[in-house]
Each structure stands twice: as structure tokens, then as C-alpha cells.
Amino acid sequence: MDTDLITQIMQYLMGVIPGDIAGNIVAVVTAIVTLCTLMMRFWKEPEMTSKWHSLWQVIHVLASFKKPDEIKENKDGQKDR
């Protein structure tokens, strides 16, 4: 049911926003996600006490659209949420 609401909102927004602007938004979001994914490939998780850990968490969410805690649980063999 959440997917239907999200789909309806996206369809509404795409109808309201002009096509060239929507295309630019999609291109920028795609570039950000790609860059974050590339960074996550080579940047290991810093220690929890490090000042860089909060930045790492933001980049991780943008790259995978999952919280870091959910990824760790999945690696431990637990079910996806």
C-alpha cells in the first residue's frame, strides 16, 4: 500500500514539474547516488567514535537506501525487512 501512495505522489510531481526540469532532477539524483555508491565501494566504515562516521552514514544511506544497521543484520543471515 505504501508503494501505491509513493507512486501516486511521484506521478503527480512529474505532471506538475516541467519535463526539462524533471530530467535535470533525475540526472542530478542519479549522479549523486552513483558517486555515493562508488565512495562506499572503497571507503571502509570508520570507527563509531570518529568524526567521519556520521558523514559515512549519510553517504551509505544515499548509496544503498538502507540504514547501515539493516545491512549488518542482513550480513548476519537474518531476513530482509
PDB file of N, CA and C in Angstrom:
ATOM      1  N   MET A   1       0.825  -1.190   0.000  1.00  0.00           N
ATOM      2  CA  MET A   1       0.000   0.000   0.000  1.00  0.00           C
ATOM      3  C   MET A   1       0.873   1.259   0.000  1.00  0.00           C
ATOM      4  N   ASP A   2       2.040   1.210   0.668  1.00  0.00           N
ATOM      5  CA  ASP A   2       2.939   2.360   0.668  1.00  0.00           C
ATOM      6  C   ASP A   2       3.435   2.657  -0.735  1.00  0.00           C
ATOM      7  N   THR A   3       3.687   1.610  -1.509  1.00  0.00           N
ATOM      8  CA  THR A   3       4.185   1.807  -2.864  1.00  0.00           C
ATOM      9  C   THR A   3       3.169   2.555  -3.713  1.00  0.00           C
ATOM     10  N   ASP A   4       1.897   2.248  -3.552  1.00  0.00           N
ATOM     11  CA  ASP A   4       0.870   2.938  -4.328  1.00  0.00           C
ATOM     12  C   ASP A   4       0.855   4.430  -4.012  1.00  0.00           C
ATOM     13  N   LEU A   5       0.984   4.781  -2.746  1.00  0.00           N
ATOM     14  CA  LEU A   5       0.992   6.188  -2.356  1.00  0.00           C
ATOM     15  C   LEU A   5       2.227   6.885  -2.925  1.00  0.00           C
ATOM     16  N   ILE A   6       3.374   6.248  -2.821  1.00  0.00           N
ATOM     17  CA  ILE A   6       4.601   6.829  -3.357  1.00  0.00           C
ATOM     18  C   ILE A   6       4.494   6.992  -4.867  1.00  0.00           C
ATOM     19  N   THR A   7       3.957   5.999  -5.539  1.00  0.00           N
ATOM     20  CA  THR A   7       3.788   6.073  -6.990  1.00  0.00           C
ATOM     21  C   THR A   7       2.856   7.221  -7.368  1.00  0.00           C
ATOM     22  N   GLN A   8       1.772   7.380  -6.637  1.00  0.00           N
ATOM     23  CA  GLN A   8       0.835   8.465  -6.913  1.00  0.00           C
ATOM     24  C   GLN A   8       1.488   9.829  -6.707  1.00  0.00           C
ATOM     25  N   ILE A   9       2.270   9.956  -5.656  1.00  0.00           N
ATOM     26  CA  ILE A   9       2.950  11.226  -5.395  1.00  0.00           C
ATOM     27  C   ILE A   9       3.948  11.525  -6.510  1.00  0.00           C
ATOM     28  N   MET A  10       4.725  10.533  -6.921  1.00  0.00           N
ATOM     29  CA  MET A  10       5.706  10.736  -7.987  1.00  0.00           C
ATOM     30  C   MET A  10       5.019  11.094  -9.301  1.00  0.00           C
ATOM     31  N   GLN A  11       3.909  10.422  -9.617  1.00  0.00           N
ATOM     32  CA  GLN A  11       3.178  10.739 -10.840  1.00  0.00           C
ATOM     33  C   GLN A  11       2.632  12.165 -10.803  1.00  0.00           C
ATOM     34  N   TYR A  12       2.146  12.581  -9.657  1.00  0.00           N
ATOM     35  CA  TYR A  12       1.644  13.945  -9.519  1.00  0.00           C
ATOM     36  C   TYR A  12       2.766  14.964  -9.707  1.00  0.00           C
ATOM     37  N   LEU A  13       3.896  14.717  -9.036  1.00  0.00           N
ATOM     38  CA  LEU A  13       5.014  15.647  -9.140  1.00  0.00           C
ATOM     39  C   LEU A  13       5.562  15.716 -10.561  1.00  0.00           C
ATOM     40  N   MET A  14       5.631  14.585 -11.239  1.00  0.00           N
ATOM     41  CA  MET A  14       6.119  14.586 -12.616  1.00  0.00           C
ATOM     42  C   MET A  14       5.153  15.306 -13.553  1.00  0.00           C
ATOM     43  N   GLY A  15       3.880  15.317 -13.214  1.00  0.00           N
ATOM     44  CA  GLY A  15       2.911  16.045 -14.021  1.00  0.00           C
ATOM     45  C   GLY A  15       2.965  17.543 -13.791  1.00  0.00           C
ATOM     46  N   VAL A  16       3.371  17.955 -12.592  1.00  0.00           N
ATOM     47  CA  VAL A  16       3.419  19.365 -12.242  1.00  0.00           C
ATOM     48  C   VAL A  16       4.733  20.006 -12.682  1.00  0.00           C
ATOM     49  N   ILE A  17       5.833  19.269 -12.533  1.00  0.00           N
ATOM     50  CA  ILE A  17       7.153  19.812 -12.867  1.00  0.00           C
ATOM     51  C   ILE A  17       7.365  19.705 -14.378  1.00  0.00           C
ATOM     52  N   PRO A  18       7.840  20.763 -15.030  1.00  0.00           N
ATOM     53  CA  PRO A  18       8.128  20.697 -16.469  1.00  0.00           C
ATOM     54  C   PRO A  18       9.155  19.598 -16.781  1.00  0.00           C
ATOM     55  N   GLY A  19       9.055  19.039 -17.979  1.00  0.00           N
ATOM     56  CA  GLY A  19       9.876  17.896 -18.364  1.00  0.00           C
ATOM     57  C   GLY A  19      11.370  18.139 -18.309  1.00  0.00           C
ATOM     58  N   ASP A  20      11.825  19.304 -18.740  1.00  0.00           N
ATOM     59  CA  ASP A  20      13.268  19.557 -18.743  1.00  0.00           C
ATOM     60  C   ASP A  20      13.811  19.672 -17.323  1.00  0.00           C
ATOM     61  N   ILE A  21      13.027  20.247 -16.430  1.00  0.00           N
ATOM     62  CA  ILE A  21      13.460  20.354 -15.031  1.00  0.00           C
ATOM     63  C   ILE A  21      13.442  18.981 -14.374  1.00  0.00           C
ATOM     64  N   ALA A  22      12.392  18.190 -14.638  1.00  0.00           N
ATOM     65  CA  ALA A  22      12.330  16.835 -14.081  1.00  0.00           C
ATOM     66  C   ALA A  22      13.507  16.001 -14.572  1.00  0.00           C
ATOM     67  N   GLY A  23      13.872  16.153 -15.846  1.00  0.00           N
ATOM     68  CA  GLY A  23      15.018  15.427 -16.381  1.00  0.00           C
ATOM     69  C   GLY A  23      16.308  15.822 -15.698  1.00  0.00           C
ATOM     70  N   ASN A  24      16.464  17.117 -15.426  1.00  0.00           N
ATOM     71  CA  ASN A  24      17.653  17.588 -14.714  1.00  0.00           C
ATOM     72  C   ASN A  24      17.706  17.054 -13.284  1.00  0.00           C
ATOM     73  N   ILE A  25      16.550  17.017 -12.623  1.00  0.00           N
ATOM     74  CA  ILE A  25      16.491  16.482 -11.258  1.00  0.00           C
ATOM     75  C   ILE A  25      16.891  15.016 -11.253  1.00  0.00           C
ATOM     76  N   VAL A  26      16.358  14.242 -12.190  1.00  0.00           N
ATOM     77  CA  VAL A  26      16.686  12.819 -12.277  1.00  0.00           C
ATOM     78  C   VAL A  26      18.182  12.630 -12.547  1.00  0.00           C
ATOM     79  N   ALA A  27      18.756  13.451 -13.422  1.00  0.00           N
ATOM     80  CA  ALA A  27      20.188  13.343 -13.736  1.00  0.00           C
ATOM     81  C   ALA A  27      21.052  13.653 -12.513  1.00  0.00           C
ATOM     82  N   VAL A  28      20.687  14.681 -11.757  1.00  0.00           N
ATOM     83  CA  VAL A  28      21.465  15.048 -10.568  1.00  0.00           C
ATOM     84  C   VAL A  28      21.359  13.968  -9.498  1.00  0.00           C
ATOM     85  N   VAL A  29      20.160  13.471  -9.261  1.00  0.00           N
ATOM     86  CA  VAL A  29      19.976  12.416  -8.257  1.00  0.00           C
ATOM     87  C   VAL A  29      20.739  11.157  -8.662  1.00  0.00           C
ATOM     88  N   THR A  30      20.700  10.804  -9.936  1.00  0.00           N
ATOM     89  CA  THR A  30      21.431   9.642 -10.419  1.00  0.00           C
ATOM     90  C   THR A  30      22.933   9.817 -10.215  1.00  0.00           C
ATOM     91  N   ALA A  31      23.451  10.999 -10.496  1.00  0.00           N
ATOM     92  CA  ALA A  31      24.882  11.263 -10.307  1.00  0.00           C
ATOM     93  C   ALA A  31      25.267  11.175  -8.828  1.00  0.00           C
ATOM     94  N   ILE A  32      24.432  11.707  -7.950  1.00  0.00           N
ATOM     95  CA  ILE A  32      24.719  11.659  -6.516  1.00  0.00           C
ATOM     96  C   ILE A  32      24.741  10.218  -6.014  1.00  0.00           C
ATOM     97  N   VAL A  33      23.741   9.430  -6.396  1.00  0.00           N
ATOM     98  CA  VAL A  33      23.681   8.035  -5.962  1.00  0.00           C
ATOM     99  C   VAL A  33      24.875   7.256  -6.513  1.00  0.00           C
ATOM    100  N   THR A  34      25.246   7.494  -7.766  1.00  0.00           N
ATOM    101  CA  THR A  34      26.386   6.805  -8.364  1.00  0.00           C
ATOM    102  C   THR A  34      27.677   7.170  -7.648  1.00  0.00           C
ATOM    103  N   LEU A  35      27.880   8.440  -7.357  1.00  0.00           N
ATOM    104  CA  LEU A  35      29.077   8.874  -6.653  1.00  0.00           C
ATOM    105  C   LEU A  35      29.138   8.277  -5.251  1.00  0.00           C
ATOM    106  N   CYS A  36      28.020   8.274  -4.545  1.00  0.00           N
ATOM    107  CA  CYS A  36      27.987   7.688  -3.199  1.00  0.00           C
ATOM    108  C   CYS A  36      28.253   6.189  -3.242  1.00  0.00           C
ATOM    109  N   THR A  37      27.730   5.505  -4.237  1.00  0.00           N
ATOM    110  CA  THR A  37      27.971   4.073  -4.375  1.00  0.00           C
ATOM    111  C   THR A  37      29.446   3.799  -4.629  1.00  0.00           C
ATOM    112  N   LEU A  38      30.066   4.597  -5.467  1.00  0.00           N
ATOM    113  CA  LEU A  38      31.496   4.453  -5.736  1.00  0.00           C
ATOM    114  C   LEU A  38      32.319   4.719  -4.477  1.00  0.00           C
ATOM    115  N   MET A  39      31.944   5.729  -3.713  1.00  0.00           N
ATOM    116  CA  MET A  39      32.656   6.025  -2.471  1.00  0.00           C
ATOM    117  C   MET A  39      32.521   4.879  -1.475  1.00  0.00           C
ATOM    118  N   MET A  40      31.335   4.294  -1.400  1.00  0.00           N
ATOM    119  CA  MET A  40      31.124   3.189  -0.456  1.00  0.00           C
ATOM    120  C   MET A  40      31.935   1.951  -0.847  1.00  0.00           C
ATOM    121  N   ARG A  41      32.215   1.806  -2.108  1.00  0.00           N
ATOM    122  CA  ARG A  41      32.988   0.657  -2.577  1.00  0.00           C
ATOM    123  C   ARG A  41      34.400   0.676  -2.007  1.00  0.00           C
ATOM    124  N   PHE A  42      34.979   1.870  -1.843  1.00  0.00           N
ATOM    125  CA  PHE A  42      36.369   1.975  -1.429  1.00  0.00           C
ATOM    126  C   PHE A  42      36.576   2.522  -0.015  1.00  0.00           C
ATOM    127  N   TRP A  43      35.519   3.064   0.607  1.00  0.00           N
ATOM    128  CA  TRP A  43      35.661   3.659   1.933  1.00  0.00           C
ATOM    129  C   TRP A  43      35.104   2.698   2.968  1.00  0.00           C
ATOM    130  N   LYS A  44      35.977   2.169   3.809  1.00  0.00           N
ATOM    131  CA  LYS A  44      35.528   1.266   4.874  1.00  0.00           C
ATOM    132  C   LYS A  44      34.879   2.077   5.985  1.00  0.00           C
ATOM    133  N   GLU A  45      34.017   1.430   6.719  1.00  0.00           N
ATOM    134  CA  GLU A  45      33.294   2.115   7.789  1.00  0.00           C
ATOM    135  C   GLU A  45      34.263   2.590   8.863  1.00  0.00           C
ATOM    136  N   PRO A  46      34.232   3.902   9.191  1.00  0.00           N
ATOM    137  CA  PRO A  46      35.099   4.408  10.256  1.00  0.00           C
ATOM    138  C   PRO A  46      34.605   3.942  11.634  1.00  0.00           C
ATOM    139  N   GLU A  47      35.455   4.091  12.614  1.00  0.00           N
ATOM    140  CA  GLU A  47      35.062   3.762  13.985  1.00  0.00           C
ATOM    141  C   GLU A  47      33.885   4.634  14.409  1.00  0.00           C
ATOM    142  N   MET A  48      33.068   4.117  15.299  1.00  0.00           N
ATOM    143  CA  MET A  48      31.884   4.847  15.763  1.00  0.00           C
ATOM    144  C   MET A  48      32.261   6.170  16.428  1.00  0.00           C
ATOM    145  N   THR A  49      33.434   6.250  17.008  1.00  0.00           N
ATOM    146  CA  THR A  49      33.857   7.464  17.704  1.00  0.00           C
ATOM    147  C   THR A  49      34.476   8.494  16.763  1.00  0.00           C
ATOM    148  N   SER A  50      34.718   8.111  15.526  1.00  0.00           N
ATOM    149  CA  SER A  50      35.337   9.017  14.556  1.00  0.00           C
ATOM    150  C   SER A  50      34.371  10.117  14.141  1.00  0.00           C
ATOM    151  N   LYS A  51      34.919  11.308  13.862  1.00  0.00           N
ATOM    152  CA  LYS A  51      34.067  12.407  13.405  1.00  0.00           C
ATOM    153  C   LYS A  51      33.549  12.160  11.992  1.00  0.00           C
ATOM    154  N   TRP A  52      34.155  11.248  11.253  1.00  0.00           N
ATOM    155  CA  TRP A  52      33.753  10.936   9.884  1.00  0.00           C
ATOM    156  C   TRP A  52      32.616   9.915   9.808  1.00  0.00           C
ATOM    157  N   HIS A  53      32.296   9.308  10.945  1.00  0.00           N
ATOM    158  CA  HIS A  53      31.282   8.250  10.920  1.00  0.00           C
ATOM    159  C   HIS A  53      29.905   8.763  10.517  1.00  0.00           C
ATOM    160  N   SER A  54      29.529   9.939  10.961  1.00  0.00           N
ATOM    161  CA  SER A  54      28.202  10.469  10.598  1.00  0.00           C
ATOM    162  C   SER A  54      28.133  10.775   9.095  1.00  0.00           C
ATOM    163  N   LEU A  55      29.220  11.295   8.524  1.00  0.00           N
ATOM    164  CA  LEU A  55      29.260  11.517   7.081  1.00  0.00           C
ATOM    165  C   LEU A  55      29.184  10.195   6.327  1.00  0.00           C
ATOM    166  N   TRP A  56      29.881   9.190   6.837  1.00  0.00           N
ATOM    167  CA  TRP A  56      29.851   7.859   6.226  1.00  0.00           C
ATOM    168  C   TRP A  56      28.425   7.305   6.229  1.00  0.00           C
ATOM    169  N   GLN A  57      27.697   7.506   7.324  1.00  0.00           N
ATOM    170  CA  GLN A  57      26.319   7.013   7.403  1.00  0.00           C
ATOM    171  C   GLN A  57      25.425   7.686   6.373  1.00  0.00           C
ATOM    172  N   VAL A  58      25.574   8.993   6.178  1.00  0.00           N
ATOM    173  CA  VAL A  58      24.764   9.716   5.185  1.00  0.00           C
ATOM    174  C   VAL A  58      25.065   9.189   3.790  1.00  0.00           C
ATOM    175  N   ILE A  59      26.342   9.038   3.479  1.00  0.00           N
ATOM    176  CA  ILE A  59      26.736   8.529   2.160  1.00  0.00           C
ATOM    177  C   ILE A  59      26.226   7.106   1.973  1.00  0.00           C
ATOM    178  N   HIS A  60      26.265   6.317   3.029  1.00  0.00           N
ATOM    179  CA  HIS A  60      25.783   4.939   2.961  1.00  0.00           C
ATOM    180  C   HIS A  60      24.286   4.883   2.654  1.00  0.00           C
ATOM    181  N   VAL A  61      23.521   5.738   3.289  1.00  0.00           N
ATOM    182  CA  VAL A  61      22.069   5.780   3.043  1.00  0.00           C
ATOM    183  C   VAL A  61      21.791   6.211   1.605  1.00  0.00           C
ATOM    184  N   LEU A  62      22.516   7.222   1.121  1.00  0.00           N
ATOM    185  CA  LEU A  62      22.312   7.675  -0.249  1.00  0.00           C
ATOM    186  C   LEU A  62      22.713   6.612  -1.274  1.00  0.00           C
ATOM    187  N   ALA A  63      23.706   5.799  -0.936  1.00  0.00           N
ATOM    188  CA  ALA A  63      24.184   4.779  -1.876  1.00  0.00           C
ATOM    189  C   ALA A  63      23.285   3.550  -1.904  1.00  0.00           C
ATOM    190  N   SER A  64      22.733   3.170  -0.749  1.00  0.00           N
ATOM    191  CA  SER A  64      22.008   1.899  -0.691  1.00  0.00           C
ATOM    192  C   SER A  64      20.530   2.046  -0.354  1.00  0.00           C
ATOM    193  N   PHE A  65      20.109   3.227   0.072  1.00  0.00           N
ATOM    194  CA  PHE A  65      18.734   3.466   0.503  1.00  0.00           C
ATOM    195  C   PHE A  65      18.322   2.554   1.648  1.00  0.00           C
ATOM    196  N   LYS A  66      19.304   2.129   2.440  1.00  0.00           N
ATOM    197  CA  LYS A  66      19.052   1.347   3.649  1.00  0.00           C
ATOM    198  C   LYS A  66      19.906   1.914   4.759  1.00  0.00           C
ATOM    199  N   LYS A  67      19.420   1.775   5.984  1.00  0.00           N
ATOM    200  CA  LYS A  67      20.210   2.194   7.130  1.00  0.00           C
ATOM    201  C   LYS A  67      21.372   1.219   7.294  1.00  0.00           C
ATOM    202  N   PRO A  68      22.525   1.680   7.775  1.00  0.00           N
ATOM    203  CA  PRO A  68      23.662   0.771   7.967  1.00  0.00           C
ATOM    204  C   PRO A  68      23.329  -0.408   8.878  1.00  0.00           C
ATOM    205  N   ASP A  69      22.455  -0.211   9.867  1.00  0.00           N
ATOM    206  CA  ASP A  69      22.086  -1.297  10.770  1.00  0.00           C
ATOM    207  C   ASP A  69      21.376  -2.419  10.026  1.00  0.00           C
ATOM    208  N   GLU A  70      20.547  -2.090   9.053  1.00  0.00           N
ATOM    209  CA  GLU A  70      19.830  -3.104   8.284  1.00  0.00           C
ATOM    210  C   GLU A  70      20.791  -3.946   7.461  1.00  0.00           C
ATOM    211  N   ILE A  71      21.828  -3.345   6.921  1.00  0.00           N
ATOM    212  CA  ILE A  71      22.811  -4.080   6.129  1.00  0.00           C
ATOM    213  C   ILE A  71      23.554  -5.073   7.003  1.00  0.00           C
ATOM    214  N   LYS A  72      23.968  -4.636   8.205  1.00  0.00           N
ATOM    215  CA  LYS A  72      24.696  -5.531   9.108  1.00  0.00           C
ATOM    216  C   LYS A  72      23.843  -6.724   9.502  1.00  0.00           C
ATOM    217  N   GLU A  73      22.556  -6.495   9.751  1.00  0.00           N
ATOM    218  CA  GLU A  73      21.668  -7.596  10.102  1.00  0.00           C
ATOM    219  C   GLU A  73      21.545  -8.579   8.952  1.00  0.00           C
ATOM    220  N   ASN A  74      21.489  -8.084   7.719  1.00  0.00           N
ATOM    221  CA  ASN A  74      21.381  -8.958   6.567  1.00  0.00           C
ATOM    222  C   ASN A  74      22.635  -9.795   6.387  1.00  0.00           C
ATOM    223  N   LYS A  75      23.807  -9.237   6.675  1.00  0.00           N
ATOM    224  CA  LYS A  75      25.047  -9.979   6.552  1.00  0.00           C
ATOM    225  C   LYS A  75      25.146 -11.082   7.596  1.00  0.00           C
ATOM    226  N   ASP A  76      24.461 -10.893   8.729  1.00  0.00           N
ATOM    227  CA  ASP A  76      24.471 -11.900   9.776  1.00  0.00           C
ATOM    228  C   ASP A  76      23.515 -13.054   9.481  1.00  0.00           C
ATOM    229  N   GLY A  77      22.854 -13.007   8.351  1.00  0.00           N
ATOM    230  CA  GLY A  77      21.979 -14.095   7.948  1.00  0.00           C
ATOM    231  C   GLY A  77      20.531 -13.900   8.326  1.00  0.00           C
ATOM    232  N   GLN A  78      20.188 -12.749   8.835  1.00  0.00           N
ATOM    233  CA  GLN A  78      18.793 -12.515   9.181  1.00  0.00           C
ATOM    234  C   GLN A  78      18.032 -12.074   7.947  1.00  0.00           C
ATOM    235  N   LYS A  79      16.723 -12.126   8.067  1.00  0.00           N
ATOM    236  CA  LYS A  79      15.844 -11.804   6.965  1.00  0.00           C
ATOM    237  C   LYS A  79      15.815 -10.319   6.650  1.00  0.00           C
ATOM    238  N   ASP A  80      15.583  -9.966   5.376  1.00  0.00           N
ATOM    239  CA  ASP A  80      15.390  -8.575   4.982  1.00  0.00           C
ATOM    240  C   ASP A  80      14.131  -8.040   5.619  1.00  0.00           C
ATOM    241  N   ARG A  81      14.129  -6.735   5.907  1.00  0.00           N
ATOM    242  CA  ARG A  81      12.906  -6.108   6.441  1.00  0.00           C
ATOM    243  C   ARG A  81      12.029  -5.660   5.333  1.00  0.00           C
TER     244      ARG A  81
END
